[in-house]
Amino acid sequence: MTKTITPIRTKALILSGMKDSVQPIKNSLKGFEYGEIESIENGIDALKKLNSTTYDMIICHNKVKFISGWNLIKEMKNSDKIQNMPVVLMGELPAPANDDELKAYGLVKYLKAPSNEAELSFLINSTIQLFKTSGTVENKYTKAKAALIGSKSVEAVELYQELHSLTKKSLRSSVGLAEAYTRTGDEDKAETVILDALKADASSTAASLMQIKIMLKKQQLPEAQVAAMNLLMPVKDSPFYHTRVLSFYNDFKILEAAEHICRDAIQKDFKVPEFWASMARLLFTKGRYDESLTTIDSSVHFFGPNVELLNIKGACMRKLNRLDDALKAYSDALKVSPLDAKVYFNMAVCCIAMKSIPEAKTHLEMVLKISPDFPNAASKLAEVKKFLNSAA
């Protein structure tokens, strides 16, 4: 008889783009004494949330905004930033993969909806058992992921090497092992593992994403661009993988090289704010201020104003010597975020350029009031005070 595990005062997450499905799942989870239950409807937000938050149980509907639930689970399990967590996949459609493929990603089985509470209860308990029982492959993945995220790179390599052998070089273990190798500086070994995975399955999105990531880490920017566009050009209906590739460029602080990603996403009319924001930032970095301003205006039109874009707008105006317009942009930014130290600092710099020194002093004092350790603010204030004293 299966031992029942009662999850008391724990956190659960529901992933579903089907609003009608959320409340029944939530009602069932409350019956299992999950005290804190959240829900997210789209896969992009889900990955961002899971990067910083862990859950004791995730119930994923196969219909999630921007990506299928099955593909979202594979992204979660392959991610180098998301801890391994127990997941149940359910939906009205037939199972998206056979039992062996589901089990390779920690799924006991696919729950066909509509289901009753007893079926969900059994699946939750079975999933937790598989997840927590020492010696199971899923438990080994949990330990390997923890080592990877905890920067225990050598240990992560050893654990993923074992999983690579146990699972006969499964894609999940290959992606994990390649990531672990990159953490130890063995990019060539990582590349070999991923190329082997692509030979086994040339259509593998996870392997393609890992290949792009390795290329970027090795600063192989032209090769990364070709690989990225080979992956993304056929994608017409969802921005999910564009955001994934864009995040790699951000992680390696080479956003200015990601124009092709942003431009392709914008041309496909993917209504996700970060494509416009990233495009505006990289155009500003490249000194293409008028283009950056056009992109900012488009973003504000589609998504409304935000402090980051208005701050970039002010910086563009400053570079174009349109100082009054720059101050207007910064003032608009403060309407969105009244206590943003960076905006006040930029206003001070702008005022100094306009010879409005008393106003600059006021803005710098506000910066230090909000953020006492803000870089260069104290020294800049000292310079301003010295100027005012000498002019008195």
Protein backbone atom coordinates (compact mmCIF):
# COMPACT_ATOMS: atom_id res chain seq x y z
CA MET A 1 0.00 0.00 0.00
CA THR A 2 1.39 3.43 -0.97
CA LYS A 3 2.21 5.58 2.02
CA THR A 4 0.34 8.89 1.90
CA ILE A 5 2.44 12.00 2.27
CA THR A 6 0.45 14.91 3.66
CA PRO A 7 1.97 18.22 2.59
CA ILE A 8 1.14 20.58 5.48
CA ARG A 9 1.71 24.35 5.16
CA THR A 10 3.60 24.06 1.92
CA LYS A 11 3.66 25.99 -1.34
CA ALA A 12 2.09 24.88 -4.59
CA LEU A 13 2.01 26.44 -8.05
CA ILE A 14 -0.58 26.01 -10.78
CA LEU A 15 0.56 26.67 -14.35
CA SER A 16 -2.34 27.02 -16.74
CA GLY A 17 -3.49 29.27 -19.56
CA MET A 18 -6.99 27.86 -19.10
CA LYS A 19 -8.62 30.11 -16.51
CA ASP A 20 -11.53 27.71 -15.98
CA SER A 21 -9.12 24.97 -14.92
CA VAL A 22 -7.34 26.92 -12.18
CA GLN A 23 -10.01 27.07 -9.49
CA PRO A 24 -10.88 23.33 -9.51
CA ILE A 25 -7.16 22.48 -9.20
CA LYS A 26 -6.81 25.05 -6.42
CA ASN A 27 -9.78 23.56 -4.58
CA SER A 28 -8.22 20.10 -4.78
CA LEU A 29 -4.84 21.34 -3.53
CA LYS A 30 -6.49 23.03 -0.56
CA GLY A 31 -7.90 19.64 0.32
CA PHE A 32 -4.32 18.32 0.44
CA GLU A 33 -3.48 21.10 2.94
CA TYR A 34 -1.29 23.15 0.63
CA GLY A 35 -1.47 26.43 2.49
CA GLU A 36 -0.02 28.77 -0.13
CA ILE A 37 -1.19 28.32 -3.72
CA GLU A 38 -0.20 30.55 -6.63
CA SER A 39 -1.11 30.45 -10.30
CA ILE A 40 0.63 31.71 -13.45
CA GLU A 41 -0.89 31.61 -16.92
CA ASN A 42 2.13 32.03 -19.20
CA GLY A 43 5.39 30.19 -19.59
CA ILE A 44 7.64 33.26 -19.81
CA ASP A 45 6.46 34.56 -16.43
CA ALA A 46 6.61 31.05 -15.00
CA LEU A 47 10.31 30.60 -15.77
CA LYS A 48 11.11 34.02 -14.32
CA LYS A 49 9.23 33.18 -11.13
CA LEU A 50 10.80 29.73 -10.82
CA ASN A 51 14.30 31.21 -11.12
CA SER A 52 13.85 32.68 -7.65
CA THR A 53 11.10 30.65 -5.99
CA THR A 54 10.78 26.96 -5.17
CA TYR A 55 7.54 25.05 -4.70
CA ASP A 56 6.68 21.78 -3.01
CA MET A 57 4.35 20.83 -5.85
CA ILE A 58 3.66 22.16 -9.34
CA ILE A 59 0.50 21.25 -11.23
CA CYS A 60 0.93 22.10 -14.91
CA HIS A 61 -1.89 22.13 -17.43
CA ASN A 62 -0.80 21.24 -20.95
CA LYS A 63 -2.24 24.52 -22.20
CA VAL A 64 -0.01 27.34 -20.98
CA LYS A 65 0.24 30.71 -22.69
CA PHE A 66 3.18 30.94 -25.14
CA ILE A 67 4.22 27.27 -24.76
CA SER A 68 2.71 23.84 -24.11
CA GLY A 69 2.82 22.56 -20.55
CA TRP A 70 4.93 19.59 -21.66
CA ASN A 71 7.56 21.81 -23.26
CA LEU A 72 7.49 24.12 -20.25
CA ILE A 73 8.24 21.20 -17.94
CA LYS A 74 11.20 20.22 -20.11
CA GLU A 75 12.48 23.79 -19.96
CA MET A 76 12.14 23.76 -16.15
CA LYS A 77 13.92 20.44 -15.81
CA ASN A 78 16.72 21.46 -18.21
CA SER A 79 17.23 24.94 -16.74
CA ASP A 80 20.49 25.61 -14.91
CA LYS A 81 18.75 28.15 -12.64
CA ILE A 82 15.60 26.32 -11.54
CA GLN A 83 15.78 23.76 -8.76
CA ASN A 84 14.32 20.33 -9.49
CA MET A 85 10.73 20.25 -8.23
CA PRO A 86 7.93 17.67 -8.30
CA VAL A 87 5.54 18.27 -11.21
CA VAL A 88 2.22 16.81 -12.33
CA LEU A 89 1.13 17.33 -15.95
CA MET A 90 -2.54 17.26 -16.87
CA GLY A 91 -4.86 18.30 -19.69
CA GLU A 92 -7.88 17.48 -21.83
CA LEU A 93 -5.84 16.46 -24.87
CA PRO A 94 -4.09 13.07 -25.20
CA ALA A 95 -0.69 12.64 -23.54
CA PRO A 96 1.98 14.71 -25.37
CA ALA A 97 4.57 11.90 -25.16
CA ASN A 98 4.85 8.21 -24.36
CA ASP A 99 5.36 6.94 -20.81
CA ASP A 100 9.14 6.58 -21.15
CA GLU A 101 9.54 10.18 -22.33
CA LEU A 102 7.33 11.44 -19.51
CA LYS A 103 9.29 9.48 -16.91
CA ALA A 104 12.56 10.87 -18.29
CA TYR A 105 11.40 14.25 -16.98
CA GLY A 106 10.12 13.06 -13.62
CA LEU A 107 6.46 12.60 -14.55
CA VAL A 108 4.82 9.50 -13.11
CA LYS A 109 2.07 9.66 -15.74
CA TYR A 110 -0.09 12.14 -17.61
CA LEU A 111 -3.36 12.99 -15.87
CA LYS A 112 -6.20 13.14 -18.37
CA ALA A 113 -8.79 15.77 -17.47
CA PRO A 114 -11.40 15.86 -16.21
CA SER A 115 -10.07 13.91 -13.24
CA ASN A 116 -11.32 13.30 -9.74
CA GLU A 117 -9.64 14.18 -6.47
CA ALA A 118 -8.60 10.58 -5.80
CA GLU A 119 -6.67 10.39 -9.10
CA LEU A 120 -4.93 13.69 -8.42
CA SER A 121 -4.15 12.67 -4.84
CA PHE A 122 -2.58 9.41 -5.98
CA LEU A 123 -0.49 11.18 -8.59
CA ILE A 124 0.70 13.89 -6.18
CA ASN A 125 1.77 11.31 -3.61
CA SER A 126 3.46 9.11 -6.22
CA THR A 127 5.32 12.10 -7.64
CA ILE A 128 6.56 13.18 -4.21
CA GLN A 129 7.66 9.63 -3.41
CA LEU A 130 9.64 9.44 -6.66
CA PHE A 131 11.12 12.88 -6.01
CA LYS A 132 12.19 12.24 -2.41
CA THR A 133 13.18 8.57 -2.40
CA SER A 134 16.96 8.24 -2.27
CA GLY A 135 18.46 6.32 -5.18
CA THR A 136 15.78 7.09 -7.76
CA VAL A 137 16.92 8.79 -10.95
CA GLU A 138 14.70 11.77 -10.16
CA ASN A 139 16.26 12.14 -6.72
CA LYS A 140 19.70 12.03 -8.35
CA TYR A 141 18.63 14.83 -10.69
CA THR A 142 17.56 16.84 -7.64
CA LYS A 143 21.02 16.48 -6.12
CA ALA A 144 22.77 17.22 -9.43
CA LYS A 145 20.69 20.36 -9.94
CA ALA A 146 21.38 21.51 -6.38
CA ALA A 147 25.12 21.10 -6.94
CA LEU A 148 24.93 23.02 -10.22
CA ILE A 149 22.93 25.91 -8.80
CA GLY A 150 25.02 25.89 -5.61
CA SER A 151 28.21 26.40 -7.69
CA LYS A 152 29.60 22.99 -6.69
CA SER A 153 30.72 22.50 -10.26
CA VAL A 154 33.02 19.49 -9.85
CA GLU A 155 30.35 17.64 -7.87
CA ALA A 156 27.76 18.58 -10.50
CA VAL A 157 29.95 17.10 -13.26
CA GLU A 158 30.31 13.83 -11.32
CA LEU A 159 26.56 13.58 -10.64
CA TYR A 160 25.58 14.37 -14.23
CA GLN A 161 28.18 11.92 -15.56
CA GLU A 162 26.48 9.22 -13.47
CA LEU A 163 23.06 10.26 -14.79
CA HIS A 164 24.40 10.36 -18.34
CA SER A 165 25.43 6.74 -17.95
CA LEU A 166 22.29 5.62 -16.09
CA THR A 167 19.92 7.18 -18.62
CA LYS A 168 21.90 6.10 -21.70
CA LYS A 169 22.84 9.68 -22.63
CA SER A 170 19.32 11.05 -22.37
CA LEU A 171 18.82 14.60 -23.59
CA ARG A 172 18.09 15.84 -20.06
CA SER A 173 21.33 14.39 -18.69
CA SER A 174 23.28 15.67 -21.72
CA VAL A 175 22.08 19.24 -21.21
CA GLY A 176 22.88 19.05 -17.50
CA LEU A 177 26.33 17.58 -18.09
CA ALA A 178 27.14 20.17 -20.74
CA GLU A 179 26.12 22.97 -18.37
CA ALA A 180 28.23 21.45 -15.59
CA TYR A 181 31.24 21.28 -17.92
CA THR A 182 30.85 24.98 -18.78
CA ARG A 183 30.96 25.77 -15.06
CA THR A 184 34.33 24.02 -14.75
CA GLY A 185 35.64 25.79 -17.84
CA ASP A 186 35.52 22.68 -20.03
CA GLU A 187 33.57 24.29 -22.89
CA ASP A 188 35.05 21.88 -25.44
CA LYS A 189 33.73 18.88 -23.49
CA ALA A 190 30.38 20.62 -23.16
CA GLU A 191 30.26 21.20 -26.89
CA THR A 192 31.09 17.56 -27.60
CA VAL A 193 28.22 16.38 -25.37
CA ILE A 194 25.74 18.73 -27.08
CA LEU A 195 26.88 17.88 -30.59
CA ASP A 196 26.36 14.20 -29.75
CA ALA A 197 22.86 15.05 -28.51
CA LEU A 198 22.10 16.95 -31.72
CA LYS A 199 23.33 14.02 -33.79
CA ALA A 200 20.85 11.83 -31.94
CA ASP A 201 18.04 14.38 -32.38
CA ALA A 202 18.70 17.33 -34.68
CA SER A 203 15.31 18.83 -33.83
CA SER A 204 16.02 19.05 -30.10
CA THR A 205 15.24 22.56 -28.90
CA ALA A 206 16.97 22.00 -25.55
CA ALA A 207 20.20 20.91 -27.23
CA SER A 208 20.05 23.81 -29.69
CA LEU A 209 19.58 26.28 -26.84
CA MET A 210 22.53 24.78 -24.99
CA GLN A 211 24.66 24.96 -28.14
CA ILE A 212 23.87 28.68 -28.49
CA LYS A 213 24.72 29.24 -24.84
CA ILE A 214 28.09 27.49 -25.20
CA MET A 215 28.91 29.54 -28.32
CA LEU A 216 28.12 32.77 -26.50
CA LYS A 217 30.27 31.79 -23.55
CA LYS A 218 33.12 31.07 -25.97
CA GLN A 219 32.47 34.48 -27.60
CA GLN A 220 31.68 32.78 -30.92
CA LEU A 221 29.17 35.51 -31.77
CA PRO A 222 28.74 34.92 -35.54
CA GLU A 223 28.26 31.18 -34.96
CA ALA A 224 25.80 31.88 -32.14
CA GLN A 225 23.82 34.23 -34.38
CA VAL A 226 23.53 31.59 -37.12
CA ALA A 227 22.50 28.89 -34.62
CA ALA A 228 19.97 31.24 -32.99
CA MET A 229 18.32 32.22 -36.25
CA ASN A 230 18.20 28.58 -37.41
CA LEU A 231 16.25 27.86 -34.24
CA LEU A 232 14.07 30.97 -34.16
CA MET A 233 13.29 31.88 -37.78
CA PRO A 234 10.71 29.07 -38.22
CA VAL A 235 8.97 30.12 -34.96
CA LYS A 236 5.95 32.23 -35.87
CA ASP A 237 3.39 31.75 -33.12
CA SER A 238 5.16 32.18 -29.77
CA PRO A 239 7.86 34.45 -28.31
CA PHE A 240 8.94 31.88 -25.73
CA TYR A 241 12.20 30.72 -27.31
CA HIS A 242 13.11 34.24 -28.42
CA THR A 243 13.00 35.27 -24.75
CA ARG A 244 15.12 32.25 -23.80
CA VAL A 245 17.86 33.12 -26.30
CA LEU A 246 17.71 36.81 -25.40
CA SER A 247 18.26 35.87 -21.74
CA PHE A 248 21.56 34.20 -22.70
CA TYR A 249 22.82 37.44 -24.25
CA ASN A 250 21.81 39.28 -21.09
CA ASP A 251 23.46 36.68 -18.84
CA PHE A 252 26.77 37.06 -20.67
CA LYS A 253 26.41 40.87 -20.77
CA ILE A 254 26.61 41.03 -24.56
CA LEU A 255 23.15 42.45 -25.22
CA GLU A 256 24.47 44.72 -27.97
CA ALA A 257 25.05 41.57 -30.07
CA ALA A 258 21.39 40.49 -29.75
CA GLU A 259 19.84 42.90 -32.24
CA HIS A 260 18.92 40.04 -34.58
CA ILE A 261 16.90 38.35 -31.82
CA CYS A 262 14.98 41.49 -30.87
CA ARG A 263 14.39 42.55 -34.45
CA ASP A 264 13.05 39.12 -35.45
CA ALA A 265 10.70 39.08 -32.45
CA ILE A 266 9.43 42.61 -33.14
CA GLN A 267 8.93 41.89 -36.85
CA LYS A 268 6.86 38.85 -35.85
CA ASP A 269 4.72 41.17 -33.71
CA PHE A 270 5.42 39.32 -30.47
CA LYS A 271 3.85 41.59 -27.87
CA VAL A 272 6.39 41.09 -25.09
CA PRO A 273 7.83 44.32 -23.57
CA GLU A 274 11.36 43.01 -23.08
CA PHE A 275 12.04 42.83 -26.83
CA TRP A 276 11.40 46.56 -27.23
CA ALA A 277 13.24 47.40 -23.99
CA SER A 278 16.25 45.30 -24.98
CA MET A 279 16.27 46.81 -28.47
CA ALA A 280 16.17 50.33 -27.02
CA ARG A 281 19.07 49.53 -24.66
CA LEU A 282 21.27 47.95 -27.32
CA LEU A 283 20.59 50.75 -29.83
CA PHE A 284 21.56 53.27 -27.17
CA THR A 285 24.75 51.31 -26.46
CA LYS A 286 25.57 51.41 -30.17
CA GLY A 287 25.05 55.17 -30.28
CA ARG A 288 21.95 54.91 -32.49
CA TYR A 289 19.96 57.34 -30.36
CA ASP A 290 17.22 58.29 -32.83
CA GLU A 291 16.45 54.61 -33.48
CA SER A 292 16.42 53.98 -29.75
CA LEU A 293 13.91 56.80 -29.24
CA THR A 294 11.65 55.41 -31.98
CA THR A 295 11.74 51.98 -30.32
CA ILE A 296 10.94 53.51 -26.92
CA ASP A 297 7.95 55.38 -28.35
CA SER A 298 6.65 52.15 -29.90
CA SER A 299 7.04 50.31 -26.62
CA VAL A 300 5.25 53.02 -24.64
CA HIS A 301 2.46 52.96 -27.23
CA PHE A 302 1.98 49.17 -26.88
CA PHE A 303 2.70 48.60 -23.19
CA GLY A 304 2.59 51.96 -21.44
CA PRO A 305 5.49 53.83 -19.80
CA ASN A 306 8.02 52.23 -17.48
CA VAL A 307 10.90 53.76 -15.61
CA GLU A 308 13.66 51.90 -17.46
CA LEU A 309 12.52 53.03 -20.91
CA LEU A 310 11.96 56.62 -19.82
CA ASN A 311 15.41 56.63 -18.24
CA ILE A 312 16.93 55.44 -21.54
CA LYS A 313 14.86 58.08 -23.34
CA GLY A 314 16.37 60.75 -21.12
CA ALA A 315 19.86 59.41 -21.77
CA CYS A 316 19.25 59.48 -25.54
CA MET A 317 18.03 63.08 -25.34
CA ARG A 318 21.09 64.02 -23.33
CA LYS A 319 23.40 62.47 -25.93
CA LEU A 320 21.55 64.42 -28.62
CA ASN A 321 22.01 67.59 -26.52
CA ARG A 322 18.25 67.96 -26.14
CA LEU A 323 18.59 68.68 -22.45
CA ASP A 324 15.11 70.10 -21.81
CA ASP A 325 13.59 67.01 -23.42
CA ALA A 326 15.89 64.83 -21.31
CA LEU A 327 14.66 66.47 -18.10
CA LYS A 328 11.07 65.98 -19.27
CA ALA A 329 11.73 62.25 -19.82
CA TYR A 330 13.30 61.92 -16.37
CA SER A 331 10.36 63.77 -14.79
CA ASP A 332 7.98 61.35 -16.52
CA ALA A 333 10.07 58.46 -15.17
CA LEU A 334 9.64 59.76 -11.63
CA LYS A 335 5.87 59.77 -12.09
CA VAL A 336 6.16 56.01 -12.65
CA SER A 337 8.77 55.39 -9.95
CA PRO A 338 9.00 58.37 -7.55
CA LEU A 339 11.92 57.01 -5.51
CA ASP A 340 14.28 55.87 -8.26
CA ALA A 341 17.80 57.01 -7.30
CA LYS A 342 19.17 56.40 -10.79
CA VAL A 343 16.66 58.79 -12.35
CA TYR A 344 17.50 61.52 -9.83
CA PHE A 345 21.21 61.03 -10.51
CA ASN A 346 20.66 61.35 -14.25
CA MET A 347 18.60 64.50 -13.66
CA ALA A 348 21.51 65.91 -11.68
CA VAL A 349 23.96 65.17 -14.50
CA CYS A 350 21.59 66.83 -16.94
CA CYS A 351 21.24 69.90 -14.72
CA ILE A 352 25.01 70.20 -14.44
CA ALA A 353 25.25 70.20 -18.23
CA MET A 354 22.62 72.97 -18.27
CA LYS A 355 24.55 74.95 -15.62
CA SER A 356 21.59 74.56 -13.26
CA ILE A 357 23.84 73.78 -10.31
CA PRO A 358 21.41 74.41 -7.40
CA GLU A 359 18.90 72.01 -8.99
CA ALA A 360 21.70 69.46 -9.47
CA LYS A 361 22.52 69.74 -5.75
CA THR A 362 18.88 69.08 -4.83
CA HIS A 363 18.71 66.01 -7.06
CA LEU A 364 22.00 64.58 -5.73
CA GLU A 365 20.84 65.03 -2.13
CA MET A 366 17.71 63.11 -3.03
CA VAL A 367 19.84 60.33 -4.57
CA LEU A 368 21.80 59.91 -1.31
CA LYS A 369 18.65 60.07 0.77
CA ILE A 370 17.16 57.18 -1.23
CA SER A 371 20.40 55.23 -1.71
CA PRO A 372 23.32 56.37 0.51
CA ASP A 373 25.83 54.18 -1.36
CA PHE A 374 24.81 55.17 -4.89
CA PRO A 375 27.98 55.12 -7.04
CA ASN A 376 29.62 58.53 -7.59
CA ALA A 377 26.72 60.44 -6.00
CA ALA A 378 28.63 61.58 -2.91
CA SER A 379 31.68 62.73 -4.89
CA LYS A 380 29.48 64.49 -7.45
CA LEU A 381 27.60 66.27 -4.64
CA ALA A 382 30.90 67.35 -3.10
CA GLU A 383 31.95 68.85 -6.45
CA VAL A 384 28.63 70.67 -6.79
CA LYS A 385 28.83 72.10 -3.25
CA LYS A 386 32.41 73.22 -3.84
CA PHE A 387 31.32 75.03 -7.02
CA LEU A 388 28.40 76.73 -5.25
CA ASN A 389 30.63 77.81 -2.34
CA SER A 390 33.24 79.26 -4.68
CA ALA A 391 30.54 81.12 -6.60
CA ALA A 392 29.00 82.57 -3.45
